[in-house]
Amino acid sequence: MGKFLLLVIAAAFEVGGDALIRSGPKGGGWLLMALGAVVLASYGVMVNLTSLDFSRLMGLYIVIFFVVAQLTAVLVFREKLQLPVLAGGVLVVGGGLTMACWPPS
């Protein structure tokens, strides 16, 4: 459970850092963009603190990142999820879980 929580926090940092950078050109200025870069660098460190194999780590992380990103889009940016995003999300989640959970050969 600790590794999963670490990946959820890392995903929140990645999405949050991107949101900060996104707000810079829209009136937030360079300070928010610089803060976003620091937050993004923090995500990179956090996601690699687990002892999972890199391929399995990325499979699971991509699933978590996708879910956190879509929640942020809906809750923070007030976006409505469209059918292509939901359909693609099913593929992302299915593929990521397959990579992360398939028993090693």
PDB file of N, CA and C in Angstrom:
ATOM      1  N   MET A   1       0.826  -1.204   0.000  1.00  0.00           N
ATOM      2  CA  MET A   1       0.000   0.000   0.000  1.00  0.00           C
ATOM      3  C   MET A   1       0.864   1.259   0.000  1.00  0.00           C
ATOM      4  N   GLY A   2       2.038   1.214   0.635  1.00  0.00           N
ATOM      5  CA  GLY A   2       2.922   2.371   0.689  1.00  0.00           C
ATOM      6  C   GLY A   2       3.408   2.791  -0.683  1.00  0.00           C
ATOM      7  N   LYS A   3       3.743   1.812  -1.541  1.00  0.00           N
ATOM      8  CA  LYS A   3       4.200   2.125  -2.896  1.00  0.00           C
ATOM      9  C   LYS A   3       3.069   2.768  -3.702  1.00  0.00           C
ATOM     10  N   PHE A   4       1.861   2.248  -3.531  1.00  0.00           N
ATOM     11  CA  PHE A   4       0.709   2.799  -4.245  1.00  0.00           C
ATOM     12  C   PHE A   4       0.467   4.244  -3.828  1.00  0.00           C
ATOM     13  N   LEU A   5       0.504   4.505  -2.533  1.00  0.00           N
ATOM     14  CA  LEU A   5       0.302   5.870  -2.033  1.00  0.00           C
ATOM     15  C   LEU A   5       1.384   6.805  -2.557  1.00  0.00           C
ATOM     16  N   LEU A   6       2.617   6.345  -2.597  1.00  0.00           N
ATOM     17  CA  LEU A   6       3.719   7.145  -3.134  1.00  0.00           C
ATOM     18  C   LEU A   6       3.461   7.494  -4.605  1.00  0.00           C
ATOM     19  N   LEU A   7       2.936   6.537  -5.367  1.00  0.00           N
ATOM     20  CA  LEU A   7       2.638   6.800  -6.775  1.00  0.00           C
ATOM     21  C   LEU A   7       1.464   7.765  -6.936  1.00  0.00           C
ATOM     22  N   VAL A   8       0.482   7.680  -6.051  1.00  0.00           N
ATOM     23  CA  VAL A   8      -0.643   8.624  -6.097  1.00  0.00           C
ATOM     24  C   VAL A   8      -0.143  10.046  -5.803  1.00  0.00           C
ATOM     25  N   ILE A   9       0.721  10.180  -4.815  1.00  0.00           N
ATOM     26  CA  ILE A   9       1.279  11.503  -4.484  1.00  0.00           C
ATOM     27  C   ILE A   9       2.122  12.015  -5.657  1.00  0.00           C
ATOM     28  N   ALA A  10       2.928  11.137  -6.241  1.00  0.00           N
ATOM     29  CA  ALA A  10       3.737  11.531  -7.397  1.00  0.00           C
ATOM     30  C   ALA A  10       2.848  12.003  -8.544  1.00  0.00           C
ATOM     31  N   ALA A  11       1.756  11.291  -8.795  1.00  0.00           N
ATOM     32  CA  ALA A  11       0.832  11.690  -9.859  1.00  0.00           C
ATOM     33  C   ALA A  11       0.213  13.050  -9.553  1.00  0.00           C
ATOM     34  N   ALA A  12      -0.131  13.279  -8.290  1.00  0.00           N
ATOM     35  CA  ALA A  12      -0.680  14.587  -7.904  1.00  0.00           C
ATOM     36  C   ALA A  12       0.347  15.689  -8.138  1.00  0.00           C
ATOM     37  N   PHE A  13       1.617  15.407  -7.860  1.00  0.00           N
ATOM     38  CA  PHE A  13       2.675  16.384  -8.114  1.00  0.00           C
ATOM     39  C   PHE A  13       2.831  16.639  -9.614  1.00  0.00           C
ATOM     40  N   GLU A  14       2.778  15.583 -10.413  1.00  0.00           N
ATOM     41  CA  GLU A  14       2.935  15.779 -11.859  1.00  0.00           C
ATOM     42  C   GLU A  14       1.777  16.583 -12.429  1.00  0.00           C
ATOM     43  N   VAL A  15       0.573  16.217 -12.058  1.00  0.00           N
ATOM     44  CA  VAL A  15      -0.604  16.952 -12.546  1.00  0.00           C
ATOM     45  C   VAL A  15      -0.599  18.377 -12.006  1.00  0.00           C
ATOM     46  N   GLY A  16      -0.273  18.533 -10.724  1.00  0.00           N
ATOM     47  CA  GLY A  16      -0.236  19.869 -10.121  1.00  0.00           C
ATOM     48  C   GLY A  16       0.828  20.756 -10.741  1.00  0.00           C
ATOM     49  N   GLY A  17       2.009  20.191 -10.996  1.00  0.00           N
ATOM     50  CA  GLY A  17       3.077  20.959 -11.629  1.00  0.00           C
ATOM     51  C   GLY A  17       2.684  21.417 -13.017  1.00  0.00           C
ATOM     52  N   ASP A  18       2.056  20.518 -13.760  1.00  0.00           N
ATOM     53  CA  ASP A  18       1.604  20.890 -15.094  1.00  0.00           C
ATOM     54  C   ASP A  18       0.522  21.965 -15.027  1.00  0.00           C
ATOM     55  N   ALA A  19      -0.376  21.850 -14.047  1.00  0.00           N
ATOM     56  CA  ALA A  19      -1.430  22.863 -13.886  1.00  0.00           C
ATOM     57  C   ALA A  19      -0.835  24.220 -13.544  1.00  0.00           C
ATOM     58  N   LEU A  20       0.202  24.237 -12.713  1.00  0.00           N
ATOM     59  CA  LEU A  20       0.859  25.506 -12.391  1.00  0.00           C
ATOM     60  C   LEU A  20       1.506  26.119 -13.630  1.00  0.00           C
ATOM     61  N   ILE A  21       2.191  25.298 -14.394  1.00  0.00           N
ATOM     62  CA  ILE A  21       2.823  25.809 -15.623  1.00  0.00           C
ATOM     63  C   ILE A  21       1.754  26.287 -16.599  1.00  0.00           C
ATOM     64  N   ARG A  22       0.658  25.569 -16.686  1.00  0.00           N
ATOM     65  CA  ARG A  22      -0.442  25.938 -17.581  1.00  0.00           C
ATOM     66  C   ARG A  22      -1.031  27.301 -17.204  1.00  0.00           C
ATOM     67  N   SER A  23      -1.057  27.592 -15.911  1.00  0.00           N
ATOM     68  CA  SER A  23      -1.649  28.862 -15.472  1.00  0.00           C
ATOM     69  C   SER A  23      -0.716  30.044 -15.694  1.00  0.00           C
ATOM     70  N   GLY A  24       0.570  29.795 -15.881  1.00  0.00           N
ATOM     71  CA  GLY A  24       1.533  30.886 -16.085  1.00  0.00           C
ATOM     72  C   GLY A  24       1.188  31.801 -17.242  1.00  0.00           C
ATOM     73  N   PRO A  25       1.079  31.277 -18.460  1.00  0.00           N
ATOM     74  CA  PRO A  25       0.765  32.140 -19.596  1.00  0.00           C
ATOM     75  C   PRO A  25      -0.648  32.739 -19.540  1.00  0.00           C
ATOM     76  N   LYS A  26      -1.507  32.170 -18.717  1.00  0.00           N
ATOM     77  CA  LYS A  26      -2.886  32.657 -18.616  1.00  0.00           C
ATOM     78  C   LYS A  26      -3.040  33.719 -17.541  1.00  0.00           C
ATOM     79  N   GLY A  27      -1.934  34.306 -17.115  1.00  0.00           N
ATOM     80  CA  GLY A  27      -2.009  35.397 -16.155  1.00  0.00           C
ATOM     81  C   GLY A  27      -1.330  35.114 -14.832  1.00  0.00           C
ATOM     82  N   GLY A  28      -0.863  33.896 -14.630  1.00  0.00           N
ATOM     83  CA  GLY A  28      -0.209  33.566 -13.370  1.00  0.00           C
ATOM     84  C   GLY A  28       1.236  34.006 -13.313  1.00  0.00           C
ATOM     85  N   GLY A  29       1.840  34.221 -14.476  1.00  0.00           N
ATOM     86  CA  GLY A  29       3.201  34.718 -14.543  1.00  0.00           C
ATOM     87  C   GLY A  29       4.261  33.639 -14.416  1.00  0.00           C
ATOM     88  N   TRP A  30       5.511  34.115 -14.517  1.00  0.00           N
ATOM     89  CA  TRP A  30       6.673  33.222 -14.518  1.00  0.00           C
ATOM     90  C   TRP A  30       6.893  32.534 -13.181  1.00  0.00           C
ATOM     91  N   LEU A  31       6.467  33.153 -12.098  1.00  0.00           N
ATOM     92  CA  LEU A  31       6.664  32.552 -10.779  1.00  0.00           C
ATOM     93  C   LEU A  31       5.900  31.228 -10.664  1.00  0.00           C
ATOM     94  N   LEU A  32       4.656  31.225 -11.116  1.00  0.00           N
ATOM     95  CA  LEU A  32       3.887  29.979 -11.088  1.00  0.00           C
ATOM     96  C   LEU A  32       4.497  28.937 -12.010  1.00  0.00           C
ATOM     97  N   MET A  33       5.012  29.380 -13.139  1.00  0.00           N
ATOM     98  CA  MET A  33       5.641  28.434 -14.065  1.00  0.00           C
ATOM     99  C   MET A  33       6.906  27.838 -13.439  1.00  0.00           C
ATOM    100  N   ALA A  34       7.687  28.655 -12.750  1.00  0.00           N
ATOM    101  CA  ALA A  34       8.896  28.152 -12.092  1.00  0.00           C
ATOM    102  C   ALA A  34       8.536  27.197 -10.951  1.00  0.00           C
ATOM    103  N   LEU A  35       7.514  27.534 -10.189  1.00  0.00           N
ATOM    104  CA  LEU A  35       7.049  26.642  -9.130  1.00  0.00           C
ATOM    105  C   LEU A  35       6.577  25.320  -9.726  1.00  0.00           C
ATOM    106  N   GLY A  36       5.891  25.388 -10.851  1.00  0.00           N
ATOM    107  CA  GLY A  36       5.445  24.178 -11.539  1.00  0.00           C
ATOM    108  C   GLY A  36       6.610  23.294 -11.940  1.00  0.00           C
ATOM    109  N   ALA A  37       7.701  23.903 -12.393  1.00  0.00           N
ATOM    110  CA  ALA A  37       8.894  23.127 -12.773  1.00  0.00           C
ATOM    111  C   ALA A  37       9.488  22.407 -11.564  1.00  0.00           C
ATOM    112  N   VAL A  38       9.498  23.074 -10.415  1.00  0.00           N
ATOM    113  CA  VAL A  38      10.015  22.450  -9.189  1.00  0.00           C
ATOM    114  C   VAL A  38       9.120  21.282  -8.779  1.00  0.00           C
ATOM    115  N   VAL A  39       7.819  21.485  -8.858  1.00  0.00           N
ATOM    116  CA  VAL A  39       6.877  20.419  -8.499  1.00  0.00           C
ATOM    117  C   VAL A  39       7.034  19.236  -9.453  1.00  0.00           C
ATOM    118  N   LEU A  40       7.211  19.517 -10.743  1.00  0.00           N
ATOM    119  CA  LEU A  40       7.419  18.434 -11.713  1.00  0.00           C
ATOM    120  C   LEU A  40       8.701  17.662 -11.423  1.00  0.00           C
ATOM    121  N   ALA A  41       9.754  18.353 -11.063  1.00  0.00           N
ATOM    122  CA  ALA A  41      11.004  17.663 -10.716  1.00  0.00           C
ATOM    123  C   ALA A  41      10.800  16.790  -9.479  1.00  0.00           C
ATOM    124  N   SER A  42      10.009  17.260  -8.532  1.00  0.00           N
ATOM    125  CA  SER A  42       9.717  16.478  -7.330  1.00  0.00           C
ATOM    126  C   SER A  42       8.969  15.197  -7.683  1.00  0.00           C
ATOM    127  N   TYR A  43       8.046  15.281  -8.632  1.00  0.00           N
ATOM    128  CA  TYR A  43       7.334  14.075  -9.075  1.00  0.00           C
ATOM    129  C   TYR A  43       8.322  13.053  -9.618  1.00  0.00           C
ATOM    130  N   GLY A  44       9.282  13.509 -10.406  1.00  0.00           N
ATOM    131  CA  GLY A  44      10.255  12.599 -11.003  1.00  0.00           C
ATOM    132  C   GLY A  44      11.059  11.843  -9.961  1.00  0.00           C
ATOM    133  N   VAL A  45      11.383  12.522  -8.890  1.00  0.00           N
ATOM    134  CA  VAL A  45      12.107  11.867  -7.800  1.00  0.00           C
ATOM    135  C   VAL A  45      11.187  10.879  -7.082  1.00  0.00           C
ATOM    136  N   MET A  46       9.991  11.320  -6.751  1.00  0.00           N
ATOM    137  CA  MET A  46       9.065  10.474  -5.989  1.00  0.00           C
ATOM    138  C   MET A  46       8.708   9.182  -6.710  1.00  0.00           C
ATOM    139  N   VAL A  47       8.411   9.296  -7.990  1.00  0.00           N
ATOM    140  CA  VAL A  47       7.958   8.116  -8.724  1.00  0.00           C
ATOM    141  C   VAL A  47       9.046   7.053  -8.796  1.00  0.00           C
ATOM    142  N   ASN A  48      10.286   7.462  -8.655  1.00  0.00           N
ATOM    143  CA  ASN A  48      11.386   6.509  -8.742  1.00  0.00           C
ATOM    144  C   ASN A  48      11.885   6.033  -7.379  1.00  0.00           C
ATOM    145  N   LEU A  49      11.205   6.389  -6.299  1.00  0.00           N
ATOM    146  CA  LEU A  49      11.583   5.923  -4.970  1.00  0.00           C
ATOM    147  C   LEU A  49      11.095   4.501  -4.681  1.00  0.00           C
ATOM    148  N   THR A  50      10.241   3.969  -5.544  1.00  0.00           N
ATOM    149  CA  THR A  50       9.755   2.605  -5.335  1.00  0.00           C
ATOM    150  C   THR A  50      10.787   1.612  -5.839  1.00  0.00           C
ATOM    151  N   SER A  51      10.667   0.389  -5.397  1.00  0.00           N
ATOM    152  CA  SER A  51      11.608  -0.644  -5.812  1.00  0.00           C
ATOM    153  C   SER A  51      11.042  -1.518  -6.933  1.00  0.00           C
ATOM    154  N   LEU A  52       9.984  -1.065  -7.583  1.00  0.00           N
ATOM    155  CA  LEU A  52       9.378  -1.833  -8.672  1.00  0.00           C
ATOM    156  C   LEU A  52      10.266  -1.802  -9.910  1.00  0.00           C
ATOM    157  N   ASP A  53      10.190  -2.862 -10.728  1.00  0.00           N
ATOM    158  CA  ASP A  53      10.861  -2.839 -12.025  1.00  0.00           C
ATOM    159  C   ASP A  53      10.323  -1.647 -12.809  1.00  0.00           C
ATOM    160  N   PHE A  54      11.183  -0.994 -13.582  1.00  0.00           N
ATOM    161  CA  PHE A  54      10.790   0.240 -14.281  1.00  0.00           C
ATOM    162  C   PHE A  54       9.579   0.029 -15.180  1.00  0.00           C
ATOM    163  N   SER A  55       9.541  -1.071 -15.935  1.00  0.00           N
ATOM    164  CA  SER A  55       8.416  -1.293 -16.856  1.00  0.00           C
ATOM    165  C   SER A  55       7.109  -1.471 -16.089  1.00  0.00           C
ATOM    166  N   ARG A  56       7.135  -2.227 -15.027  1.00  0.00           N
ATOM    167  CA  ARG A  56       5.914  -2.405 -14.223  1.00  0.00           C
ATOM    168  C   ARG A  56       5.546  -1.115 -13.498  1.00  0.00           C
ATOM    169  N   LEU A  57       6.554  -0.409 -13.024  1.00  0.00           N
ATOM    170  CA  LEU A  57       6.332   0.870 -12.364  1.00  0.00           C
ATOM    171  C   LEU A  57       5.599   1.824 -13.300  1.00  0.00           C
ATOM    172  N   MET A  58       6.082   1.955 -14.519  1.00  0.00           N
ATOM    173  CA  MET A  58       5.460   2.882 -15.465  1.00  0.00           C
ATOM    174  C   MET A  58       4.056   2.429 -15.854  1.00  0.00           C
ATOM    175  N   GLY A  59       3.849   1.120 -15.976  1.00  0.00           N
ATOM    176  CA  GLY A  59       2.504   0.618 -16.280  1.00  0.00           C
ATOM    177  C   GLY A  59       1.498   1.037 -15.221  1.00  0.00           C
ATOM    178  N   LEU A  60       1.855   0.799 -13.971  1.00  0.00           N
ATOM    179  CA  LEU A  60       0.965   1.174 -12.872  1.00  0.00           C
ATOM    180  C   LEU A  60       0.869   2.687 -12.731  1.00  0.00           C
ATOM    181  N   TYR A  61       1.990   3.375 -12.856  1.00  0.00           N
ATOM    182  CA  TYR A  61       1.982   4.824 -12.694  1.00  0.00           C
ATOM    183  C   TYR A  61       1.118   5.515 -13.744  1.00  0.00           C
ATOM    184  N   ILE A  62       1.167   5.030 -14.970  1.00  0.00           N
ATOM    185  CA  ILE A  62       0.372   5.647 -16.034  1.00  0.00           C
ATOM    186  C   ILE A  62      -1.115   5.546 -15.727  1.00  0.00           C
ATOM    187  N   VAL A  63      -1.540   4.434 -15.161  1.00  0.00           N
ATOM    188  CA  VAL A  63      -2.944   4.284 -14.762  1.00  0.00           C
ATOM    189  C   VAL A  63      -3.290   5.330 -13.701  1.00  0.00           C
ATOM    190  N   ILE A  64      -2.464   5.422 -12.670  1.00  0.00           N
ATOM    191  CA  ILE A  64      -2.720   6.369 -11.582  1.00  0.00           C
ATOM    192  C   ILE A  64      -2.681   7.803 -12.102  1.00  0.00           C
ATOM    193  N   PHE A  65      -1.695   8.106 -12.941  1.00  0.00           N
ATOM    194  CA  PHE A  65      -1.590   9.454 -13.504  1.00  0.00           C
ATOM    195  C   PHE A  65      -2.842   9.801 -14.313  1.00  0.00           C
ATOM    196  N   PHE A  66      -3.295   8.883 -15.139  1.00  0.00           N
ATOM    197  CA  PHE A  66      -4.479   9.150 -15.954  1.00  0.00           C
ATOM    198  C   PHE A  66      -5.690   9.470 -15.078  1.00  0.00           C
ATOM    199  N   VAL A  67      -5.906   8.666 -14.044  1.00  0.00           N
ATOM    200  CA  VAL A  67      -7.064   8.878 -13.172  1.00  0.00           C
ATOM    201  C   VAL A  67      -6.944  10.221 -12.445  1.00  0.00           C
ATOM    202  N   VAL A  68      -5.781  10.518 -11.894  1.00  0.00           N
ATOM    203  CA  VAL A  68      -5.584  11.791 -11.185  1.00  0.00           C
ATOM    204  C   VAL A  68      -5.754  12.974 -12.152  1.00  0.00           C
ATOM    205  N   ALA A  69      -5.227  12.843 -13.368  1.00  0.00           N
ATOM    206  CA  ALA A  69      -5.345  13.924 -14.350  1.00  0.00           C
ATOM    207  C   ALA A  69      -6.799  14.183 -14.718  1.00  0.00           C
ATOM    208  N   GLN A  70      -7.578  13.121 -14.888  1.00  0.00           N
ATOM    209  CA  GLN A  70      -8.983  13.311 -15.258  1.00  0.00           C
ATOM    210  C   GLN A  70      -9.788  13.882 -14.091  1.00  0.00           C
ATOM    211  N   LEU A  71      -9.486  13.446 -12.884  1.00  0.00           N
ATOM    212  CA  LEU A  71     -10.148  14.040 -11.717  1.00  0.00           C
ATOM    213  C   LEU A  71      -9.823  15.529 -11.610  1.00  0.00           C
ATOM    214  N   THR A  72      -8.580  15.885 -11.874  1.00  0.00           N
ATOM    215  CA  THR A  72      -8.176  17.295 -11.844  1.00  0.00           C
ATOM    216  C   THR A  72      -8.888  18.081 -12.933  1.00  0.00           C
ATOM    217  N   ALA A  73      -8.987  17.498 -14.122  1.00  0.00           N
ATOM    218  CA  ALA A  73      -9.678  18.177 -15.225  1.00  0.00           C
ATOM    219  C   ALA A  73     -11.130  18.487 -14.853  1.00  0.00           C
ATOM    220  N   VAL A  74     -11.783  17.541 -14.210  1.00  0.00           N
ATOM    221  CA  VAL A  74     -13.196  17.717 -13.850  1.00  0.00           C
ATOM    222  C   VAL A  74     -13.353  18.628 -12.637  1.00  0.00           C
ATOM    223  N   LEU A  75     -12.583  18.379 -11.592  1.00  0.00           N
ATOM    224  CA  LEU A  75     -12.791  19.093 -10.331  1.00  0.00           C
ATOM    225  C   LEU A  75     -12.153  20.475 -10.287  1.00  0.00           C
ATOM    226  N   VAL A  76     -11.000  20.647 -10.938  1.00  0.00           N
ATOM    227  CA  VAL A  76     -10.294  21.928 -10.870  1.00  0.00           C
ATOM    228  C   VAL A  76     -10.616  22.804 -12.084  1.00  0.00           C
ATOM    229  N   PHE A  77     -10.514  22.201 -13.268  1.00  0.00           N
ATOM    230  CA  PHE A  77     -10.701  22.978 -14.491  1.00  0.00           C
ATOM    231  C   PHE A  77     -12.140  22.946 -15.006  1.00  0.00           C
ATOM    232  N   ARG A  78     -13.008  22.228 -14.291  1.00  0.00           N
ATOM    233  CA  ARG A  78     -14.439  22.164 -14.623  1.00  0.00           C
ATOM    234  C   ARG A  78     -14.695  21.677 -16.050  1.00  0.00           C
ATOM    235  N   GLU A  79     -13.869  20.750 -16.512  1.00  0.00           N
ATOM    236  CA  GLU A  79     -14.052  20.174 -17.841  1.00  0.00           C
ATOM    237  C   GLU A  79     -15.024  19.004 -17.753  1.00  0.00           C
ATOM    238  N   LYS A  80     -15.733  18.786 -18.835  1.00  0.00           N
ATOM    239  CA  LYS A  80     -16.618  17.627 -18.929  1.00  0.00           C
ATOM    240  C   LYS A  80     -15.884  16.572 -19.744  1.00  0.00           C
ATOM    241  N   LEU A  81     -15.777  15.360 -19.202  1.00  0.00           N
ATOM    242  CA  LEU A  81     -15.069  14.312 -19.922  1.00  0.00           C
ATOM    243  C   LEU A  81     -15.893  13.862 -21.119  1.00  0.00           C
ATOM    244  N   GLN A  82     -15.239  13.823 -22.250  1.00  0.00           N
ATOM    245  CA  GLN A  82     -15.888  13.429 -23.495  1.00  0.00           C
ATOM    246  C   GLN A  82     -15.721  11.928 -23.717  1.00  0.00           C
ATOM    247  N   LEU A  83     -16.557  11.360 -24.568  1.00  0.00           N
ATOM    248  CA  LEU A  83     -16.538   9.928 -24.835  1.00  0.00           C
ATOM    249  C   LEU A  83     -15.173   9.420 -25.301  1.00  0.00           C
ATOM    250  N   PRO A  84     -14.449  10.138 -26.195  1.00  0.00           N
ATOM    251  CA  PRO A  84     -13.125   9.626 -26.589  1.00  0.00           C
ATOM    252  C   PRO A  84     -12.148   9.522 -25.416  1.00  0.00           C
ATOM    253  N   VAL A  85     -12.229  10.437 -24.470  1.00  0.00           N
ATOM    254  CA  VAL A  85     -11.352  10.384 -23.299  1.00  0.00           C
ATOM    255  C   VAL A  85     -11.727   9.182 -22.427  1.00  0.00           C
ATOM    256  N   LEU A  86     -13.018   8.970 -22.245  1.00  0.00           N
ATOM    257  CA  LEU A  86     -13.455   7.833 -21.444  1.00  0.00           C
ATOM    258  C   LEU A  86     -13.104   6.503 -22.120  1.00  0.00           C
ATOM    259  N   ALA A  87     -13.313   6.414 -23.430  1.00  0.00           N
ATOM    260  CA  ALA A  87     -12.976   5.186 -24.154  1.00  0.00           C
ATOM    261  C   ALA A  87     -11.473   4.937 -24.120  1.00  0.00           C
ATOM    262  N   GLY A  88     -10.689   5.970 -24.384  1.00  0.00           N
ATOM    263  CA  GLY A  88      -9.241   5.833 -24.317  1.00  0.00           C
ATOM    264  C   GLY A  88      -8.781   5.512 -22.918  1.00  0.00           C
ATOM    265  N   GLY A  89      -9.457   6.071 -21.924  1.00  0.00           N
ATOM    266  CA  GLY A  89      -9.122   5.799 -20.528  1.00  0.00           C
ATOM    267  C   GLY A  89      -9.298   4.335 -20.165  1.00  0.00           C
ATOM    268  N   VAL A  90     -10.322   3.712 -20.715  1.00  0.00           N
ATOM    269  CA  VAL A  90     -10.514   2.273 -20.485  1.00  0.00           C
ATOM    270  C   VAL A  90      -9.313   1.503 -21.015  1.00  0.00           C
ATOM    271  N   LEU A  91      -8.822   1.893 -22.189  1.00  0.00           N
ATOM    272  CA  LEU A  91      -7.644   1.237 -22.761  1.00  0.00           C
ATOM    273  C   LEU A  91      -6.393   1.515 -21.941  1.00  0.00           C
ATOM    274  N   VAL A  92      -6.229   2.752 -21.498  1.00  0.00           N
ATOM    275  CA  VAL A  92      -5.068   3.118 -20.676  1.00  0.00           C
ATOM    276  C   VAL A  92      -5.064   2.299 -19.387  1.00  0.00           C
ATOM    277  N   VAL A  93      -6.196   2.279 -18.707  1.00  0.00           N
ATOM    278  CA  VAL A  93      -6.282   1.562 -17.436  1.00  0.00           C
ATOM    279  C   VAL A  93      -6.080   0.061 -17.656  1.00  0.00           C
ATOM    280  N   GLY A  94      -6.735  -0.486 -18.666  1.00  0.00           N
ATOM    281  CA  GLY A  94      -6.576  -1.913 -18.947  1.00  0.00           C
ATOM    282  C   GLY A  94      -5.145  -2.273 -19.306  1.00  0.00           C
ATOM    283  N   GLY A  95      -4.525  -1.492 -20.167  1.00  0.00           N
ATOM    284  CA  GLY A  95      -3.145  -1.758 -20.568  1.00  0.00           C
ATOM    285  C   GLY A  95      -2.161  -1.589 -19.428  1.00  0.00           C
ATOM    286  N   GLY A  96      -2.326  -0.534 -18.660  1.00  0.00           N
ATOM    287  CA  GLY A  96      -1.424  -0.298 -17.538  1.00  0.00           C
ATOM    288  C   GLY A  96      -1.525  -1.370 -16.472  1.00  0.00           C
ATOM    289  N   LEU A  97      -2.752  -1.775 -16.167  1.00  0.00           N
ATOM    290  CA  LEU A  97      -2.927  -2.833 -15.176  1.00  0.00           C
ATOM    291  C   LEU A  97      -2.386  -4.164 -15.680  1.00  0.00           C
ATOM    292  N   THR A  98      -2.524  -4.403 -16.981  1.00  0.00           N
ATOM    293  CA  THR A  98      -1.952  -5.623 -17.554  1.00  0.00           C
ATOM    294  C   THR A  98      -0.441  -5.644 -17.372  1.00  0.00           C
ATOM    295  N   MET A  99       0.224  -4.538 -17.702  1.00  0.00           N
ATOM    296  CA  MET A  99       1.685  -4.468 -17.548  1.00  0.00           C
ATOM    297  C   MET A  99       2.104  -4.601 -16.088  1.00  0.00           C
ATOM    298  N   ALA A 100       1.354  -3.968 -15.197  1.00  0.00           N
ATOM    299  CA  ALA A 100       1.756  -3.942 -13.797  1.00  0.00           C
ATOM    300  C   ALA A 100       1.452  -5.254 -13.065  1.00  0.00           C
ATOM    301  N   CYS A 101       0.399  -5.919 -13.454  1.00  0.00           N
ATOM    302  CA  CYS A 101      -0.082  -7.063 -12.661  1.00  0.00           C
ATOM    303  C   CYS A 101       0.211  -8.440 -13.276  1.00  0.00           C
ATOM    304  N   TRP A 102       0.633  -8.479 -14.522  1.00  0.00           N
ATOM    305  CA  TRP A 102       0.916  -9.764 -15.168  1.00  0.00           C
ATOM    306  C   TRP A 102       2.070 -10.424 -14.416  1.00  0.00           C
ATOM    307  N   PRO A 103       1.907 -11.699 -14.065  1.00  0.00           N
ATOM    308  CA  PRO A 103       2.994 -12.364 -13.334  1.00  0.00           C
ATOM    309  C   PRO A 103       4.264 -12.434 -14.167  1.00  0.00           C
ATOM    310  N   PRO A 104       5.417 -12.253 -13.535  1.00  0.00           N
ATOM    311  CA  PRO A 104       6.682 -12.340 -14.273  1.00  0.00           C
ATOM    312  C   PRO A 104       6.859 -13.735 -14.851  1.00  0.00           C
ATOM    313  N   SER A 105       7.502 -13.794 -16.011  1.00  0.00           N
ATOM    314  CA  SER A 105       7.702 -15.111 -16.631  1.00  0.00           C
ATOM    315  C   SER A 105       9.037 -15.714 -16.261  1.00  0.00           C
TER     316      SER A 105
END
